[in-house]
């Protein structure tokens, strides 16, 4: 089974500590007012990771305990204190210390919170295992939607190109299957447009584009690019148009061509070629509205050249 890891960089979190010493341990709060409640996690969402996520997204939560046998997640509104963690000889429980910065609202009086002791040196970022996708895939895309979910599209499973689509919900750590694309593809691009829809371009071996509507979950085929291409880039410009550059065609020829997509007319038009053929490159929108294209390969060598549009 493939496992997805999420890297947390949350402005309101100083550290999330789930250390070995806290395993098979239970937490006793300083005061009854620290208790924020108990939640029985559903079987499909029962894990220490889910308990962590619930504490992260509960602004008052500073400490949580996950009880493995009954899938219960208890949350407390006080800092995790080392002296309050004790062995739970007959109960398998894990104590989670979720230290947040001073912007967080505290549930208990400040006089009690001021006595809180740090557990360990703060670790600003960490990795936490979350739910696995339904399908193995590589050469896919992942796009953050306006609703906070992540749309994963297509790719290659080692044998076949995929048209399957999945949605990840960071609030639960769960994946749900979304509607399939009309065409299987990998090494494509997926660009969120100003209207919240996602434009998918190219891939092996397409000039076909499709548009995903998060409100309905439906896919619609849009106007074709002038050239089939994969391993290309697609960048939304400040005017809402999408710039597609380079890549490879169906004969594995590296491309220096570029074209623009106009959402208002659902049409593509060719623009001036890049000075260098390139695939596997990057394209970054700059603050002045230009697009900086860097590196890649021209088929015979890796490139250190750069140019901007």
C-alpha atoms as a PDB file:
ATOM      1  CA  UNK A   1       0.000   0.000   0.000  1.00  0.00           C
ATOM      2  CA  UNK A   2       1.323   3.420  -0.886  1.00  0.00           C
ATOM      3  CA  UNK A   3       1.440   5.974   1.918  1.00  0.00           C
ATOM      4  CA  UNK A   4       1.051   9.716   1.474  1.00  0.00           C
ATOM      5  CA  UNK A   5       2.976  12.040   3.796  1.00  0.00           C
ATOM      6  CA  UNK A   6       1.898  15.600   4.499  1.00  0.00           C
ATOM      7  CA  UNK A   7       4.378  18.301   5.490  1.00  0.00           C
ATOM      8  CA  UNK A   8       2.754  20.696   7.972  1.00  0.00           C
ATOM      9  CA  UNK A   9       3.734  24.350   7.838  1.00  0.00           C
ATOM     10  CA  UNK A  10       0.944  26.002   9.831  1.00  0.00           C
ATOM     11  CA  UNK A  11       1.350  29.576  11.025  1.00  0.00           C
ATOM     12  CA  UNK A  12      -0.575  28.898  14.228  1.00  0.00           C
ATOM     13  CA  UNK A  13       1.324  25.739  15.169  1.00  0.00           C
ATOM     14  CA  UNK A  14       4.700  25.862  16.911  1.00  0.00           C
ATOM     15  CA  UNK A  15       5.099  22.113  17.102  1.00  0.00           C
ATOM     16  CA  UNK A  16       3.251  18.822  16.947  1.00  0.00           C
ATOM     17  CA  UNK A  17       4.967  16.249  19.114  1.00  0.00           C
ATOM     18  CA  UNK A  18       4.073  12.567  18.998  1.00  0.00           C
ATOM     19  CA  UNK A  19       7.101  10.880  20.492  1.00  0.00           C
ATOM     20  CA  UNK A  20       7.780   7.315  21.490  1.00  0.00           C
ATOM     21  CA  UNK A  21       7.768   8.178  25.184  1.00  0.00           C
ATOM     22  CA  UNK A  22       4.109   9.174  24.898  1.00  0.00           C
ATOM     23  CA  UNK A  23       3.005   5.819  23.507  1.00  0.00           C
ATOM     24  CA  UNK A  24       0.845   3.727  25.855  1.00  0.00           C
ATOM     25  CA  UNK A  25       0.488   6.753  28.103  1.00  0.00           C
ATOM     26  CA  UNK A  26      -2.445   8.760  29.370  1.00  0.00           C
ATOM     27  CA  UNK A  27      -2.701  12.474  30.125  1.00  0.00           C
ATOM     28  CA  UNK A  28      -4.236  13.987  33.285  1.00  0.00           C
ATOM     29  CA  UNK A  29      -5.080  17.691  32.886  1.00  0.00           C
ATOM     30  CA  UNK A  30      -4.473  20.245  35.631  1.00  0.00           C
ATOM     31  CA  UNK A  31      -8.114  21.273  35.740  1.00  0.00           C
ATOM     32  CA  UNK A  32     -11.499  20.015  34.603  1.00  0.00           C
ATOM     33  CA  UNK A  33     -11.966  23.212  32.603  1.00  0.00           C
ATOM     34  CA  UNK A  34      -9.200  22.034  30.272  1.00  0.00           C
ATOM     35  CA  UNK A  35     -11.396  19.302  28.768  1.00  0.00           C
ATOM     36  CA  UNK A  36     -12.741  20.210  25.343  1.00  0.00           C
ATOM     37  CA  UNK A  37     -14.629  16.958  24.757  1.00  0.00           C
ATOM     38  CA  UNK A  38     -14.366  13.377  23.561  1.00  0.00           C
ATOM     39  CA  UNK A  39     -14.971  12.153  20.030  1.00  0.00           C
ATOM     40  CA  UNK A  40     -15.518   8.541  18.963  1.00  0.00           C
ATOM     41  CA  UNK A  41     -13.874   8.301  15.565  1.00  0.00           C
ATOM     42  CA  UNK A  42     -15.711   6.297  12.886  1.00  0.00           C
ATOM     43  CA  UNK A  43     -14.040   3.010  11.861  1.00  0.00           C
ATOM     44  CA  UNK A  44     -13.091   4.462   8.459  1.00  0.00           C
ATOM     45  CA  UNK A  45     -11.355   7.414  10.137  1.00  0.00           C
ATOM     46  CA  UNK A  46      -9.977   5.819  13.314  1.00  0.00           C
ATOM     47  CA  UNK A  47      -6.279   6.540  13.709  1.00  0.00           C
ATOM     48  CA  UNK A  48      -3.872   8.597  15.753  1.00  0.00           C
ATOM     49  CA  UNK A  49      -3.390  10.744  12.645  1.00  0.00           C
ATOM     50  CA  UNK A  50      -7.092  11.646  12.626  1.00  0.00           C
ATOM     51  CA  UNK A  51      -6.878  12.618  16.286  1.00  0.00           C
ATOM     52  CA  UNK A  52      -3.886  14.828  15.486  1.00  0.00           C
ATOM     53  CA  UNK A  53      -5.807  16.541  12.686  1.00  0.00           C
ATOM     54  CA  UNK A  54      -8.792  17.180  14.951  1.00  0.00           C
ATOM     55  CA  UNK A  55      -6.559  18.812  17.544  1.00  0.00           C
ATOM     56  CA  UNK A  56      -4.772  20.889  14.906  1.00  0.00           C
ATOM     57  CA  UNK A  57      -8.063  22.218  13.551  1.00  0.00           C
ATOM     58  CA  UNK A  58      -9.603  22.846  16.991  1.00  0.00           C
ATOM     59  CA  UNK A  59      -8.182  26.266  17.833  1.00  0.00           C
ATOM     60  CA  UNK A  60      -8.316  25.707  21.616  1.00  0.00           C
ATOM     61  CA  UNK A  61      -6.715  22.254  21.560  1.00  0.00           C
ATOM     62  CA  UNK A  62      -3.211  22.004  23.001  1.00  0.00           C
ATOM     63  CA  UNK A  63      -3.170  18.338  24.059  1.00  0.00           C
ATOM     64  CA  UNK A  64      -5.014  15.255  22.841  1.00  0.00           C
ATOM     65  CA  UNK A  65      -5.110  11.580  23.820  1.00  0.00           C
ATOM     66  CA  UNK A  66      -5.954   8.851  21.315  1.00  0.00           C
ATOM     67  CA  UNK A  67      -7.360   5.654  22.879  1.00  0.00           C
ATOM     68  CA  UNK A  68      -6.563   2.829  20.470  1.00  0.00           C
ATOM     69  CA  UNK A  69      -9.119   0.241  21.628  1.00  0.00           C
ATOM     70  CA  UNK A  70     -12.277   2.357  21.516  1.00  0.00           C
ATOM     71  CA  UNK A  71     -11.052   4.844  18.874  1.00  0.00           C
ATOM     72  CA  UNK A  72     -11.722   7.759  21.204  1.00  0.00           C
ATOM     73  CA  UNK A  73     -10.001  11.139  20.776  1.00  0.00           C
ATOM     74  CA  UNK A  74      -9.971  13.352  23.891  1.00  0.00           C
ATOM     75  CA  UNK A  75      -8.873  16.981  23.542  1.00  0.00           C
ATOM     76  CA  UNK A  76      -7.694  19.439  26.209  1.00  0.00           C
ATOM     77  CA  UNK A  77      -7.229  23.201  26.158  1.00  0.00           C
ATOM     78  CA  UNK A  78      -3.953  23.367  28.075  1.00  0.00           C
ATOM     79  CA  UNK A  79      -0.315  22.927  27.191  1.00  0.00           C
ATOM     80  CA  UNK A  80       0.988  19.376  27.377  1.00  0.00           C
ATOM     81  CA  UNK A  81       3.005  19.009  30.589  1.00  0.00           C
ATOM     82  CA  UNK A  82       5.543  16.233  31.108  1.00  0.00           C
ATOM     83  CA  UNK A  83       4.477  15.631  34.697  1.00  0.00           C
ATOM     84  CA  UNK A  84       0.890  14.980  33.605  1.00  0.00           C
ATOM     85  CA  UNK A  85       1.797  12.056  31.315  1.00  0.00           C
ATOM     86  CA  UNK A  86       1.696   8.717  33.110  1.00  0.00           C
ATOM     87  CA  UNK A  87       1.773   5.059  32.121  1.00  0.00           C
ATOM     88  CA  UNK A  88      -1.570   3.511  31.206  1.00  0.00           C
ATOM     89  CA  UNK A  89      -0.840  -0.104  32.082  1.00  0.00           C
ATOM     90  CA  UNK A  90      -4.233  -1.483  31.029  1.00  0.00           C
ATOM     91  CA  UNK A  91      -5.109   1.109  28.404  1.00  0.00           C
ATOM     92  CA  UNK A  92      -3.311   1.576  25.112  1.00  0.00           C
ATOM     93  CA  UNK A  93      -3.326   5.319  24.564  1.00  0.00           C
ATOM     94  CA  UNK A  94      -1.084   7.882  22.865  1.00  0.00           C
ATOM     95  CA  UNK A  95      -0.612  11.420  24.134  1.00  0.00           C
ATOM     96  CA  UNK A  96      -0.345  14.108  21.462  1.00  0.00           C
ATOM     97  CA  UNK A  97       1.269  17.431  22.330  1.00  0.00           C
ATOM     98  CA  UNK A  98       0.118  20.121  19.904  1.00  0.00           C
ATOM     99  CA  UNK A  99       1.852  23.334  20.959  1.00  0.00           C
ATOM    100  CA  UNK A 100       0.322  26.415  19.329  1.00  0.00           C
ATOM    101  CA  UNK A 101       1.512  29.999  19.360  1.00  0.00           C
ATOM    102  CA  UNK A 102       0.054  32.812  21.448  1.00  0.00           C
ATOM    103  CA  UNK A 103      -2.579  33.691  18.828  1.00  0.00           C
ATOM    104  CA  UNK A 104      -4.574  30.623  19.851  1.00  0.00           C
ATOM    105  CA  UNK A 105      -7.544  31.086  22.183  1.00  0.00           C
ATOM    106  CA  UNK A 106      -7.116  29.168  25.421  1.00  0.00           C
ATOM    107  CA  UNK A 107      -9.965  27.370  27.164  1.00  0.00           C
ATOM    108  CA  UNK A 108      -8.568  27.621  30.686  1.00  0.00           C
ATOM    109  CA  UNK A 109      -7.620  30.661  32.834  1.00  0.00           C
ATOM    110  CA  UNK A 110      -4.341  32.351  31.994  1.00  0.00           C
ATOM    111  CA  UNK A 111      -3.102  31.757  35.564  1.00  0.00           C
ATOM    112  CA  UNK A 112      -3.083  28.013  34.908  1.00  0.00           C
ATOM    113  CA  UNK A 113      -1.682  28.285  31.392  1.00  0.00           C
ATOM    114  CA  UNK A 114       1.223  30.411  32.589  1.00  0.00           C
ATOM    115  CA  UNK A 115       2.506  27.439  34.606  1.00  0.00           C
ATOM    116  CA  UNK A 116       2.750  25.217  31.502  1.00  0.00           C
ATOM    117  CA  UNK A 117       6.160  23.624  30.957  1.00  0.00           C
ATOM    118  CA  UNK A 118       7.646  22.960  27.510  1.00  0.00           C
ATOM    119  CA  UNK A 119       7.935  19.257  26.686  1.00  0.00           C
ATOM    120  CA  UNK A 120      10.943  19.572  24.441  1.00  0.00           C
ATOM    121  CA  UNK A 121      12.600  21.967  22.057  1.00  0.00           C
ATOM    122  CA  UNK A 122      10.005  23.186  19.589  1.00  0.00           C
ATOM    123  CA  UNK A 123      10.111  21.572  16.167  1.00  0.00           C
ATOM    124  CA  UNK A 124       8.551  24.015  13.720  1.00  0.00           C
ATOM    125  CA  UNK A 125       7.728  21.452  11.035  1.00  0.00           C
ATOM    126  CA  UNK A 126       7.204  17.721  10.947  1.00  0.00           C
ATOM    127  CA  UNK A 127       5.883  14.867   8.787  1.00  0.00           C
ATOM    128  CA  UNK A 128       2.669  13.018   9.592  1.00  0.00           C
ATOM    129  CA  UNK A 129       1.298   9.973   7.784  1.00  0.00           C
ATOM    130  CA  UNK A 130      -2.206  10.459   6.391  1.00  0.00           C
ATOM    131  CA  UNK A 131      -4.678   8.439   4.322  1.00  0.00           C
ATOM    132  CA  UNK A 132      -3.568   6.590   1.199  1.00  0.00           C
ATOM    133  CA  UNK A 133      -4.976   7.183  -2.270  1.00  0.00           C
ATOM    134  CA  UNK A 134      -7.291   4.608  -3.799  1.00  0.00           C
ATOM    135  CA  UNK A 135      -4.956   4.075  -6.765  1.00  0.00           C
ATOM    136  CA  UNK A 136      -1.212   3.827  -7.176  1.00  0.00           C
ATOM    137  CA  UNK A 137      -0.006   6.513  -9.578  1.00  0.00           C
ATOM    138  CA  UNK A 138       2.989   8.530 -10.773  1.00  0.00           C
ATOM    139  CA  UNK A 139       3.384  11.324 -13.346  1.00  0.00           C
ATOM    140  CA  UNK A 140       0.061  12.691 -12.042  1.00  0.00           C
ATOM    141  CA  UNK A 141      -0.875  16.204 -10.946  1.00  0.00           C
ATOM    142  CA  UNK A 142      -2.141  17.563  -7.624  1.00  0.00           C
ATOM    143  CA  UNK A 143      -3.980  20.901  -7.525  1.00  0.00           C
ATOM    144  CA  UNK A 144      -5.143  22.828  -4.460  1.00  0.00           C
ATOM    145  CA  UNK A 145      -8.765  23.919  -4.957  1.00  0.00           C
ATOM    146  CA  UNK A 146     -10.422  27.024  -3.543  1.00  0.00           C
ATOM    147  CA  UNK A 147     -12.370  24.876  -1.049  1.00  0.00           C
ATOM    148  CA  UNK A 148      -9.097  23.633   0.463  1.00  0.00           C
ATOM    149  CA  UNK A 149      -9.290  20.137  -1.004  1.00  0.00           C
ATOM    150  CA  UNK A 150      -6.597  18.686  -3.280  1.00  0.00           C
ATOM    151  CA  UNK A 151      -7.519  17.332  -6.717  1.00  0.00           C
ATOM    152  CA  UNK A 152      -5.273  14.475  -7.926  1.00  0.00           C
ATOM    153  CA  UNK A 153      -5.565  13.682 -11.618  1.00  0.00           C
ATOM    154  CA  UNK A 154      -4.481  10.862 -13.919  1.00  0.00           C
ATOM    155  CA  UNK A 155      -0.932   9.566 -14.126  1.00  0.00           C
ATOM    156  CA  UNK A 156       0.565   6.126 -14.744  1.00  0.00           C
ATOM    157  CA  UNK A 157       0.220   3.040 -12.514  1.00  0.00           C
ATOM    158  CA  UNK A 158       3.122   1.106 -14.018  1.00  0.00           C
ATOM    159  CA  UNK A 159       0.974  -0.549 -16.684  1.00  0.00           C
ATOM    160  CA  UNK A 160      -1.678   1.883 -17.847  1.00  0.00           C
ATOM    161  CA  UNK A 161      -2.311   5.585 -18.244  1.00  0.00           C
ATOM    162  CA  UNK A 162      -5.061   6.689 -15.863  1.00  0.00           C
ATOM    163  CA  UNK A 163      -8.161   8.834 -16.180  1.00  0.00           C
ATOM    164  CA  UNK A 164      -9.165   8.346 -12.538  1.00  0.00           C
ATOM    165  CA  UNK A 165      -9.428  11.359 -10.235  1.00  0.00           C
ATOM    166  CA  UNK A 166      -9.389  11.619  -6.439  1.00  0.00           C
ATOM    167  CA  UNK A 167     -10.055  14.372  -3.887  1.00  0.00           C
ATOM    168  CA  UNK A 168      -8.124  14.716  -0.631  1.00  0.00           C
ATOM    169  CA  UNK A 169      -9.774  16.452   2.327  1.00  0.00           C
ATOM    170  CA  UNK A 170      -7.083  17.780   4.715  1.00  0.00           C
ATOM    171  CA  UNK A 171      -9.627  18.281   7.501  1.00  0.00           C
ATOM    172  CA  UNK A 172     -10.234  14.520   7.721  1.00  0.00           C
ATOM    173  CA  UNK A 173      -7.194  13.009   5.990  1.00  0.00           C
ATOM    174  CA  UNK A 174      -9.546  11.015   3.749  1.00  0.00           C
ATOM    175  CA  UNK A 175      -9.688  10.483  -0.012  1.00  0.00           C
ATOM    176  CA  UNK A 176     -12.863  10.289  -2.110  1.00  0.00           C
ATOM    177  CA  UNK A 177     -13.178   9.239  -5.723  1.00  0.00           C
ATOM    178  CA  UNK A 178     -14.166  12.014  -8.102  1.00  0.00           C
ATOM    179  CA  UNK A 179     -15.528  11.729 -11.627  1.00  0.00           C
ATOM    180  CA  UNK A 180     -13.124  10.312 -14.214  1.00  0.00           C
ATOM    181  CA  UNK A 181     -11.653  12.462 -16.954  1.00  0.00           C
ATOM    182  CA  UNK A 182     -12.816  11.782 -20.483  1.00  0.00           C
ATOM    183  CA  UNK A 183      -9.292  10.743 -21.513  1.00  0.00           C
ATOM    184  CA  UNK A 184      -6.508   8.893 -19.698  1.00  0.00           C
ATOM    185  CA  UNK A 185      -3.276  10.873 -19.482  1.00  0.00           C
ATOM    186  CA  UNK A 186       0.003  11.289 -17.610  1.00  0.00           C
ATOM    187  CA  UNK A 187       2.766  13.922 -17.619  1.00  0.00           C
ATOM    188  CA  UNK A 188       0.031  16.492 -18.196  1.00  0.00           C
ATOM    189  CA  UNK A 189      -0.587  19.810 -16.458  1.00  0.00           C
ATOM    190  CA  UNK A 190      -3.449  20.951 -14.219  1.00  0.00           C
ATOM    191  CA  UNK A 191      -3.917  24.683 -13.661  1.00  0.00           C
ATOM    192  CA  UNK A 192      -6.518  26.291 -11.422  1.00  0.00           C
ATOM    193  CA  UNK A 193      -8.098  29.218 -13.242  1.00  0.00           C
ATOM    194  CA  UNK A 194      -9.347  32.487 -11.774  1.00  0.00           C
ATOM    195  CA  UNK A 195     -12.920  31.123 -11.740  1.00  0.00           C
ATOM    196  CA  UNK A 196     -11.879  28.148  -9.572  1.00  0.00           C
ATOM    197  CA  UNK A 197     -12.080  25.585 -12.360  1.00  0.00           C
ATOM    198  CA  UNK A 198      -9.092  23.389 -13.258  1.00  0.00           C
ATOM    199  CA  UNK A 199      -7.727  23.268 -16.811  1.00  0.00           C
ATOM    200  CA  UNK A 200      -5.951  20.023 -17.753  1.00  0.00           C
ATOM    201  CA  UNK A 201      -3.734  20.154 -20.833  1.00  0.00           C
ATOM    202  CA  UNK A 202      -1.919  17.548 -22.884  1.00  0.00           C
ATOM    203  CA  UNK A 203      -0.243  14.481 -21.456  1.00  0.00           C
ATOM    204  CA  UNK A 204       0.711  11.307 -23.243  1.00  0.00           C
ATOM    205  CA  UNK A 205      -0.198  11.662 -26.047  1.00  0.00           C
ATOM    206  CA  UNK A 206      -2.762  14.452 -26.274  1.00  0.00           C
ATOM    207  CA  UNK A 207      -3.501  17.902 -27.532  1.00  0.00           C
ATOM    208  CA  UNK A 208      -6.912  17.511 -25.874  1.00  0.00           C
ATOM    209  CA  UNK A 209      -7.807  19.751 -22.946  1.00  0.00           C
ATOM    210  CA  UNK A 210     -10.467  19.263 -20.285  1.00  0.00           C
ATOM    211  CA  UNK A 211     -12.001  21.509 -17.647  1.00  0.00           C
ATOM    212  CA  UNK A 212     -12.993  20.353 -14.144  1.00  0.00           C
ATOM    213  CA  UNK A 213     -15.790  22.120 -12.299  1.00  0.00           C
ATOM    214  CA  UNK A 214     -15.392  21.633  -8.509  1.00  0.00           C
ATOM    215  CA  UNK A 215     -18.982  22.778  -7.909  1.00  0.00           C
ATOM    216  CA  UNK A 216     -20.479  19.971  -9.995  1.00  0.00           C
ATOM    217  CA  UNK A 217     -17.604  17.482 -10.140  1.00  0.00           C
ATOM    218  CA  UNK A 218     -18.040  17.299 -13.917  1.00  0.00           C
ATOM    219  CA  UNK A 219     -15.457  17.281 -16.692  1.00  0.00           C
ATOM    220  CA  UNK A 220     -15.969  18.978 -20.067  1.00  0.00           C
ATOM    221  CA  UNK A 221     -13.738  18.713 -23.119  1.00  0.00           C
ATOM    222  CA  UNK A 222     -12.505  22.119 -24.261  1.00  0.00           C
ATOM    223  CA  UNK A 223     -10.662  23.408 -27.295  1.00  0.00           C
ATOM    224  CA  UNK A 224      -7.624  21.452 -28.435  1.00  0.00           C
ATOM    225  CA  UNK A 225      -4.093  22.806 -28.261  1.00  0.00           C
ATOM    226  CA  UNK A 226      -2.354  23.296 -31.594  1.00  0.00           C
ATOM    227  CA  UNK A 227       0.246  20.666 -30.717  1.00  0.00           C
ATOM    228  CA  UNK A 228       0.045  17.458 -28.666  1.00  0.00           C
ATOM    229  CA  UNK A 229       2.563  17.739 -25.843  1.00  0.00           C
ATOM    230  CA  UNK A 230       3.579  16.246 -22.516  1.00  0.00           C
ATOM    231  CA  UNK A 231       6.266  17.078 -19.935  1.00  0.00           C
ATOM    232  CA  UNK A 232       5.403  20.708 -20.666  1.00  0.00           C
ATOM    233  CA  UNK A 233       4.413  23.592 -18.378  1.00  0.00           C
ATOM    234  CA  UNK A 234       1.195  25.574 -18.013  1.00  0.00           C
ATOM    235  CA  UNK A 235       1.148  28.888 -16.162  1.00  0.00           C
ATOM    236  CA  UNK A 236      -1.829  31.133 -15.477  1.00  0.00           C
ATOM    237  CA  UNK A 237      -0.944  34.725 -16.304  1.00  0.00           C
ATOM    238  CA  UNK A 238      -2.076  37.810 -14.407  1.00  0.00           C
ATOM    239  CA  UNK A 239      -4.760  38.430 -17.080  1.00  0.00           C
ATOM    240  CA  UNK A 240      -6.258  34.964 -16.543  1.00  0.00           C
ATOM    241  CA  UNK A 241      -4.916  33.400 -19.730  1.00  0.00           C
ATOM    242  CA  UNK A 242      -2.791  30.243 -19.565  1.00  0.00           C
ATOM    243  CA  UNK A 243       0.676  30.027 -21.128  1.00  0.00           C
ATOM    244  CA  UNK A 244       1.791  26.560 -22.258  1.00  0.00           C
ATOM    245  CA  UNK A 245       5.457  26.051 -23.144  1.00  0.00           C
ATOM    246  CA  UNK A 246       7.658  23.312 -24.546  1.00  0.00           C
ATOM    247  CA  UNK A 247       7.386  19.627 -23.735  1.00  0.00           C
ATOM    248  CA  UNK A 248       7.547  16.620 -26.046  1.00  0.00           C
ATOM    249  CA  UNK A 249       5.284  15.596 -28.913  1.00  0.00           C
ATOM    250  CA  UNK A 250       3.984  12.135 -29.874  1.00  0.00           C
ATOM    251  CA  UNK A 251       7.283  11.369 -31.650  1.00  0.00           C
ATOM    252  CA  UNK A 252       9.340  12.344 -28.578  1.00  0.00           C
ATOM    253  CA  UNK A 253      10.548  15.492 -30.345  1.00  0.00           C
ATOM    254  CA  UNK A 254      11.379  18.237 -27.848  1.00  0.00           C
ATOM    255  CA  UNK A 255       9.405  21.410 -28.462  1.00  0.00           C
ATOM    256  CA  UNK A 256      10.186  25.100 -28.321  1.00  0.00           C
ATOM    257  CA  UNK A 257       6.645  26.095 -29.284  1.00  0.00           C
ATOM    258  CA  UNK A 258       4.354  28.014 -26.950  1.00  0.00           C
ATOM    259  CA  UNK A 259       0.650  28.811 -27.016  1.00  0.00           C
ATOM    260  CA  UNK A 260      -1.920  30.777 -25.042  1.00  0.00           C
ATOM    261  CA  UNK A 261      -5.352  29.673 -23.836  1.00  0.00           C
ATOM    262  CA  UNK A 262      -8.097  32.294 -23.572  1.00  0.00           C
ATOM    263  CA  UNK A 263     -10.818  31.119 -21.191  1.00  0.00           C
ATOM    264  CA  UNK A 264     -13.289  33.758 -22.373  1.00  0.00           C
ATOM    265  CA  UNK A 265     -13.225  32.412 -25.931  1.00  0.00           C
ATOM    266  CA  UNK A 266     -12.169  28.813 -25.162  1.00  0.00           C
ATOM    267  CA  UNK A 267      -9.496  29.096 -27.826  1.00  0.00           C
ATOM    268  CA  UNK A 268      -5.759  28.544 -28.253  1.00  0.00           C
ATOM    269  CA  UNK A 269      -3.359  30.678 -30.257  1.00  0.00           C
ATOM    270  CA  UNK A 270       0.292  30.184 -31.094  1.00  0.00           C
ATOM    271  CA  UNK A 271       2.812  32.737 -29.903  1.00  0.00           C
ATOM    272  CA  UNK A 272       6.485  33.207 -30.672  1.00  0.00           C
ATOM    273  CA  UNK A 273       8.648  30.127 -30.052  1.00  0.00           C
ATOM    274  CA  UNK A 274      11.091  29.924 -27.170  1.00  0.00           C
ATOM    275  CA  UNK A 275      14.735  30.251 -28.153  1.00  0.00           C
ATOM    276  CA  UNK A 276      15.473  26.716 -26.917  1.00  0.00           C
ATOM    277  CA  UNK A 277      13.678  23.391 -27.188  1.00  0.00           C
ATOM    278  CA  UNK A 278      13.006  22.103 -23.701  1.00  0.00           C
ATOM    279  CA  UNK A 279      11.018  19.592 -21.635  1.00  0.00           C
ATOM    280  CA  UNK A 280      11.111  18.886 -17.883  1.00  0.00           C
ATOM    281  CA  UNK A 281      11.632  22.626 -17.390  1.00  0.00           C
ATOM    282  CA  UNK A 282       9.965  25.030 -14.966  1.00  0.00           C
ATOM    283  CA  UNK A 283       7.932  28.174 -15.600  1.00  0.00           C
ATOM    284  CA  UNK A 284       7.372  30.758 -12.851  1.00  0.00           C
ATOM    285  CA  UNK A 285       5.082  33.783 -12.916  1.00  0.00           C
ATOM    286  CA  UNK A 286       7.045  36.830 -11.739  1.00  0.00           C
ATOM    287  CA  UNK A 287       5.596  39.822  -9.839  1.00  0.00           C
ATOM    288  CA  UNK A 288       5.861  41.970 -12.977  1.00  0.00           C
ATOM    289  CA  UNK A 289       3.676  39.536 -14.952  1.00  0.00           C
ATOM    290  CA  UNK A 290       6.515  37.932 -16.918  1.00  0.00           C
ATOM    291  CA  UNK A 291       7.055  34.164 -16.964  1.00  0.00           C
ATOM    292  CA  UNK A 292      10.566  32.860 -16.266  1.00  0.00           C
ATOM    293  CA  UNK A 293      11.370  29.520 -17.934  1.00  0.00           C
ATOM    294  CA  UNK A 294      14.373  27.666 -16.502  1.00  0.00           C
ATOM    295  CA  UNK A 295      16.429  24.624 -17.417  1.00  0.00           C
ATOM    296  CA  UNK A 296      15.004  21.331 -18.592  1.00  0.00           C
ATOM    297  CA  UNK A 297      16.349  19.077 -21.317  1.00  0.00           C
ATOM    298  CA  UNK A 298      16.636  19.539 -25.080  1.00  0.00           C
ATOM    299  CA  UNK A 299      16.869  15.781 -25.633  1.00  0.00           C
ATOM    300  CA  UNK A 300      20.639  15.569 -25.740  1.00  0.00           C
ATOM    301  CA  UNK A 301      21.643  17.369 -22.562  1.00  0.00           C
ATOM    302  CA  UNK A 302      20.365  19.054 -19.445  1.00  0.00           C
ATOM    303  CA  UNK A 303      20.078  22.830 -19.749  1.00  0.00           C
ATOM    304  CA  UNK A 304      21.230  25.663 -17.549  1.00  0.00           C
ATOM    305  CA  UNK A 305      19.705  28.337 -19.773  1.00  0.00           C
ATOM    306  CA  UNK A 306      16.763  30.530 -18.880  1.00  0.00           C
ATOM    307  CA  UNK A 307      14.451  32.867 -20.761  1.00  0.00           C
ATOM    308  CA  UNK A 308      11.354  34.861 -19.943  1.00  0.00           C
ATOM    309  CA  UNK A 309       8.109  35.683 -21.717  1.00  0.00           C
END
